[in-house]
Amino acid sequence: MSHTLLVWLVGGVLLVGAGLATTVVPARRARDRKRQTAWSAARAAIDSAAVSRDAATSPVPAAEQLLARAELIAAGRGGVSAARTAEQHAQQADRLWRTQR
C-alpha cells in the first residue's frame, strides 16, 4: 500500500469522524438539556403540591394519591415523558388542594 493511499484513507476516516461528532454531540446535548428542564419543572410542581398539602386544612385523599404517584415517578428518574407525567400528577394534586381551601 502506498503512502499516498494511506494518507487519503486516514484523511477520509478523520473527515467522517469529524462529521459524525459535529452532528451527534449537539443533538445529545439538546436531548440532555430537554430532559433536565423537564425534570426541573416536575420537581417544582411536586414541591408546590407539597406546600399546598401542608397548607390544606383537611386531607384530600385523591390529591395525596396523585402526589404519591408523582413522587414515585420522580424517584424512578425516567425520561422526558415520565417527567411530564409526574408534573401533571403534581399539578392536579396541587389544584385539588387549592380548591379545597
N, C-alpha and C. Protein backbone atom coordinates (compact mmCIF):
# COMPACT_ATOMS: atom_id res chain seq x y z
N MET A 1 0.85 -1.16 0.00
CA MET A 1 0.00 0.00 0.00
C MET A 1 0.90 1.23 0.00
N SER A 2 0.63 2.16 -0.87
CA SER A 2 1.48 3.34 -0.96
C SER A 2 1.11 4.33 0.14
N HIS A 3 2.05 5.21 0.40
CA HIS A 3 1.85 6.22 1.45
C HIS A 3 0.72 7.19 1.07
N THR A 4 0.55 7.48 -0.19
CA THR A 4 -0.49 8.40 -0.63
C THR A 4 -1.87 7.83 -0.34
N LEU A 5 -2.05 6.56 -0.64
CA LEU A 5 -3.34 5.92 -0.36
C LEU A 5 -3.63 5.89 1.13
N LEU A 6 -2.61 5.63 1.93
CA LEU A 6 -2.77 5.60 3.38
C LEU A 6 -3.18 6.98 3.90
N VAL A 7 -2.57 8.02 3.37
CA VAL A 7 -2.91 9.39 3.78
C VAL A 7 -4.36 9.70 3.42
N TRP A 8 -4.80 9.30 2.24
CA TRP A 8 -6.19 9.54 1.82
C TRP A 8 -7.17 8.77 2.70
N LEU A 9 -6.84 7.54 3.04
CA LEU A 9 -7.71 6.75 3.91
C LEU A 9 -7.82 7.35 5.30
N VAL A 10 -6.69 7.73 5.88
CA VAL A 10 -6.70 8.34 7.20
C VAL A 10 -7.47 9.66 7.16
N GLY A 11 -7.25 10.45 6.13
CA GLY A 11 -7.97 11.72 5.98
C GLY A 11 -9.47 11.50 5.85
N GLY A 12 -9.86 10.51 5.09
CA GLY A 12 -11.30 10.20 4.93
C GLY A 12 -11.93 9.76 6.24
N VAL A 13 -11.22 8.91 6.97
CA VAL A 13 -11.73 8.45 8.27
C VAL A 13 -11.86 9.63 9.23
N LEU A 14 -10.89 10.51 9.26
CA LEU A 14 -10.95 11.69 10.13
C LEU A 14 -12.09 12.62 9.73
N LEU A 15 -12.31 12.78 8.45
CA LEU A 15 -13.38 13.63 7.95
C LEU A 15 -14.76 13.07 8.34
N VAL A 16 -14.92 11.78 8.16
CA VAL A 16 -16.20 11.15 8.54
C VAL A 16 -16.39 11.22 10.06
N GLY A 17 -15.35 10.99 10.82
CA GLY A 17 -15.42 11.08 12.28
C GLY A 17 -15.78 12.48 12.74
N ALA A 18 -15.18 13.49 12.13
CA ALA A 18 -15.50 14.88 12.49
C ALA A 18 -16.95 15.21 12.14
N GLY A 19 -17.41 14.73 11.01
CA GLY A 19 -18.80 14.97 10.61
C GLY A 19 -19.78 14.34 11.58
N LEU A 20 -19.50 13.12 11.99
CA LEU A 20 -20.36 12.46 12.97
C LEU A 20 -20.35 13.19 14.31
N ALA A 21 -19.17 13.62 14.73
CA ALA A 21 -19.07 14.31 16.01
C ALA A 21 -19.84 15.63 16.00
N THR A 22 -19.77 16.37 14.90
CA THR A 22 -20.49 17.65 14.84
C THR A 22 -22.00 17.46 14.74
N THR A 23 -22.44 16.28 14.41
CA THR A 23 -23.88 16.01 14.34
C THR A 23 -24.39 15.41 15.65
N VAL A 24 -23.65 14.47 16.21
CA VAL A 24 -24.10 13.73 17.38
C VAL A 24 -23.99 14.55 18.67
N VAL A 25 -22.91 15.26 18.87
CA VAL A 25 -22.69 15.96 20.13
C VAL A 25 -23.75 17.02 20.40
N PRO A 26 -24.07 17.93 19.47
CA PRO A 26 -25.13 18.91 19.76
C PRO A 26 -26.50 18.27 19.98
N ALA A 27 -26.80 17.22 19.25
CA ALA A 27 -28.10 16.54 19.42
C ALA A 27 -28.18 15.92 20.81
N ARG A 28 -27.11 15.32 21.27
CA ARG A 28 -27.09 14.71 22.60
C ARG A 28 -27.21 15.78 23.69
N ARG A 29 -26.52 16.90 23.51
CA ARG A 29 -26.63 17.99 24.49
C ARG A 29 -28.04 18.55 24.54
N ALA A 30 -28.67 18.72 23.39
CA ALA A 30 -30.04 19.23 23.35
C ALA A 30 -31.00 18.26 24.04
N ARG A 31 -30.82 16.98 23.81
CA ARG A 31 -31.67 15.97 24.45
C ARG A 31 -31.48 15.99 25.96
N ASP A 32 -30.24 16.09 26.41
CA ASP A 32 -29.96 16.14 27.85
C ASP A 32 -30.54 17.40 28.48
N ARG A 33 -30.42 18.52 27.80
CA ARG A 33 -30.96 19.78 28.31
C ARG A 33 -32.49 19.71 28.42
N LYS A 34 -33.12 19.10 27.42
CA LYS A 34 -34.57 18.94 27.44
C LYS A 34 -35.01 18.06 28.61
N ARG A 35 -34.27 17.01 28.85
CA ARG A 35 -34.57 16.10 29.97
C ARG A 35 -34.39 16.81 31.31
N GLN A 36 -33.31 17.56 31.45
CA GLN A 36 -33.06 18.29 32.70
C GLN A 36 -34.14 19.33 32.96
N THR A 37 -34.55 20.02 31.91
CA THR A 37 -35.60 21.03 32.04
C THR A 37 -36.92 20.40 32.45
N ALA A 38 -37.25 19.27 31.84
CA ALA A 38 -38.50 18.58 32.18
C ALA A 38 -38.49 18.12 33.63
N TRP A 39 -37.37 17.59 34.11
CA TRP A 39 -37.31 17.14 35.49
C TRP A 39 -37.30 18.31 36.46
N SER A 40 -36.72 19.41 36.07
CA SER A 40 -36.76 20.60 36.92
C SER A 40 -38.19 21.08 37.10
N ALA A 41 -38.95 21.11 36.02
CA ALA A 41 -40.36 21.51 36.10
C ALA A 41 -41.16 20.52 36.94
N ALA A 42 -40.88 19.24 36.81
CA ALA A 42 -41.59 18.23 37.59
C ALA A 42 -41.29 18.38 39.08
N ARG A 43 -40.02 18.58 39.42
CA ARG A 43 -39.67 18.76 40.83
C ARG A 43 -40.30 20.02 41.41
N ALA A 44 -40.36 21.09 40.61
CA ALA A 44 -41.00 22.33 41.07
C ALA A 44 -42.49 22.10 41.31
N ALA A 45 -43.14 21.36 40.43
CA ALA A 45 -44.57 21.07 40.61
C ALA A 45 -44.80 20.20 41.84
N ILE A 46 -43.93 19.24 42.07
CA ILE A 46 -44.05 18.38 43.25
C ILE A 46 -43.86 19.21 44.52
N ASP A 47 -42.88 20.10 44.52
CA ASP A 47 -42.66 20.96 45.69
C ASP A 47 -43.85 21.88 45.93
N SER A 48 -44.42 22.43 44.88
CA SER A 48 -45.58 23.29 45.00
C SER A 48 -46.78 22.53 45.57
N ALA A 49 -46.98 21.31 45.11
CA ALA A 49 -48.07 20.49 45.62
C ALA A 49 -47.84 20.14 47.09
N ALA A 50 -46.60 19.91 47.47
CA ALA A 50 -46.30 19.60 48.87
C ALA A 50 -46.61 20.80 49.76
N VAL A 51 -46.32 22.00 49.29
CA VAL A 51 -46.64 23.20 50.05
C VAL A 51 -48.15 23.35 50.19
N SER A 52 -48.88 23.11 49.11
CA SER A 52 -50.34 23.19 49.16
C SER A 52 -50.90 22.14 50.11
N ARG A 53 -50.29 20.96 50.12
CA ARG A 53 -50.74 19.89 51.04
C ARG A 53 -50.55 20.33 52.48
N ASP A 54 -49.38 20.93 52.76
CA ASP A 54 -49.10 21.37 54.13
C ASP A 54 -50.02 22.50 54.56
N ALA A 55 -50.47 23.31 53.60
CA ALA A 55 -51.34 24.43 53.93
C ALA A 55 -52.82 24.05 53.98
N ALA A 56 -53.15 22.87 53.51
CA ALA A 56 -54.55 22.43 53.47
C ALA A 56 -55.09 22.25 54.89
N THR A 57 -56.37 22.57 55.05
CA THR A 57 -56.99 22.45 56.37
C THR A 57 -57.46 21.03 56.66
N SER A 58 -57.74 20.26 55.63
CA SER A 58 -58.15 18.87 55.84
C SER A 58 -57.55 18.00 54.74
N PRO A 59 -57.41 16.70 54.98
CA PRO A 59 -56.80 15.82 53.99
C PRO A 59 -57.70 15.64 52.76
N VAL A 60 -57.03 15.50 51.61
CA VAL A 60 -57.72 15.21 50.35
C VAL A 60 -57.09 13.93 49.80
N PRO A 61 -57.75 12.80 50.00
CA PRO A 61 -57.15 11.51 49.62
C PRO A 61 -56.75 11.42 48.14
N ALA A 62 -57.56 11.97 47.25
CA ALA A 62 -57.23 11.89 45.82
C ALA A 62 -55.95 12.67 45.53
N ALA A 63 -55.80 13.82 46.16
CA ALA A 63 -54.59 14.62 45.96
C ALA A 63 -53.37 13.93 46.55
N GLU A 64 -53.56 13.31 47.72
CA GLU A 64 -52.45 12.56 48.34
C GLU A 64 -51.97 11.45 47.41
N GLN A 65 -52.92 10.76 46.79
CA GLN A 65 -52.58 9.66 45.89
C GLN A 65 -51.85 10.18 44.65
N LEU A 66 -52.31 11.29 44.10
CA LEU A 66 -51.65 11.86 42.93
C LEU A 66 -50.23 12.31 43.25
N LEU A 67 -50.06 12.95 44.40
CA LEU A 67 -48.72 13.39 44.79
C LEU A 67 -47.81 12.20 45.03
N ALA A 68 -48.33 11.15 45.64
CA ALA A 68 -47.53 9.94 45.86
C ALA A 68 -47.09 9.33 44.53
N ARG A 69 -48.00 9.31 43.56
CA ARG A 69 -47.64 8.81 42.23
C ARG A 69 -46.54 9.66 41.59
N ALA A 70 -46.71 10.97 41.70
CA ALA A 70 -45.71 11.89 41.12
C ALA A 70 -44.34 11.66 41.76
N GLU A 71 -44.31 11.52 43.07
CA GLU A 71 -43.04 11.29 43.77
C GLU A 71 -42.43 9.94 43.40
N LEU A 72 -43.28 8.94 43.21
CA LEU A 72 -42.80 7.62 42.82
C LEU A 72 -42.19 7.66 41.41
N ILE A 73 -42.85 8.35 40.51
CA ILE A 73 -42.31 8.50 39.15
C ILE A 73 -41.00 9.26 39.19
N ALA A 74 -40.95 10.31 40.01
CA ALA A 74 -39.71 11.10 40.11
C ALA A 74 -38.57 10.27 40.68
N ALA A 75 -38.88 9.38 41.59
CA ALA A 75 -37.84 8.53 42.17
C ALA A 75 -37.25 7.58 41.13
N GLY A 76 -38.07 7.21 40.14
CA GLY A 76 -37.60 6.31 39.09
C GLY A 76 -36.69 6.97 38.07
N ARG A 77 -36.71 8.30 38.00
CA ARG A 77 -35.84 9.06 37.10
C ARG A 77 -35.91 8.56 35.65
N GLY A 78 -37.05 8.64 35.05
CA GLY A 78 -37.20 8.22 33.66
C GLY A 78 -36.81 9.34 32.71
N GLY A 79 -37.40 9.31 31.55
CA GLY A 79 -37.10 10.30 30.53
C GLY A 79 -38.05 11.49 30.61
N VAL A 80 -38.15 12.20 29.49
CA VAL A 80 -38.96 13.40 29.42
C VAL A 80 -40.44 13.08 29.63
N SER A 81 -40.92 12.00 29.05
CA SER A 81 -42.34 11.67 29.21
C SER A 81 -42.67 11.33 30.66
N ALA A 82 -41.78 10.68 31.37
CA ALA A 82 -42.00 10.39 32.79
C ALA A 82 -42.03 11.68 33.60
N ALA A 83 -41.15 12.60 33.26
CA ALA A 83 -41.12 13.88 33.96
C ALA A 83 -42.42 14.65 33.73
N ARG A 84 -42.91 14.63 32.51
CA ARG A 84 -44.16 15.33 32.22
C ARG A 84 -45.34 14.68 32.94
N THR A 85 -45.34 13.36 33.01
CA THR A 85 -46.40 12.66 33.74
C THR A 85 -46.36 13.01 35.22
N ALA A 86 -45.18 13.01 35.81
CA ALA A 86 -45.03 13.37 37.22
C ALA A 86 -45.48 14.82 37.44
N GLU A 87 -45.12 15.70 36.53
CA GLU A 87 -45.52 17.10 36.64
C GLU A 87 -47.04 17.24 36.58
N GLN A 88 -47.67 16.52 35.67
CA GLN A 88 -49.13 16.59 35.53
C GLN A 88 -49.83 16.07 36.79
N HIS A 89 -49.35 14.98 37.35
CA HIS A 89 -49.94 14.44 38.59
C HIS A 89 -49.80 15.46 39.72
N ALA A 90 -48.61 16.03 39.83
CA ALA A 90 -48.37 17.00 40.91
C ALA A 90 -49.23 18.26 40.72
N GLN A 91 -49.37 18.73 39.49
CA GLN A 91 -50.20 19.91 39.25
C GLN A 91 -51.66 19.62 39.57
N GLN A 92 -52.12 18.45 39.22
CA GLN A 92 -53.51 18.09 39.51
C GLN A 92 -53.72 17.98 41.03
N ALA A 93 -52.78 17.41 41.73
CA ALA A 93 -52.88 17.33 43.20
C ALA A 93 -52.88 18.74 43.79
N ASP A 94 -52.02 19.59 43.27
CA ASP A 94 -51.95 20.97 43.75
C ASP A 94 -53.29 21.67 43.55
N ARG A 95 -53.92 21.49 42.37
CA ARG A 95 -55.22 22.11 42.12
C ARG A 95 -56.28 21.59 43.09
N LEU A 96 -56.25 20.29 43.38
CA LEU A 96 -57.22 19.73 44.32
C LEU A 96 -57.08 20.34 45.70
N TRP A 97 -55.85 20.50 46.17
CA TRP A 97 -55.64 21.09 47.48
C TRP A 97 -56.02 22.57 47.50
N ARG A 98 -55.72 23.27 46.41
CA ARG A 98 -56.05 24.70 46.37
C ARG A 98 -57.56 24.94 46.32
N THR A 99 -58.30 24.08 45.64
CA THR A 99 -59.74 24.26 45.58
C THR A 99 -60.42 23.81 46.87
N GLN A 100 -59.73 23.02 47.68
CA GLN A 100 -60.28 22.51 48.92
C GLN A 100 -60.32 23.60 49.99
N ARG A 101 -59.47 24.59 49.92
CA ARG A 101 -59.37 25.63 50.95
C ARG A 101 -60.64 26.37 51.15
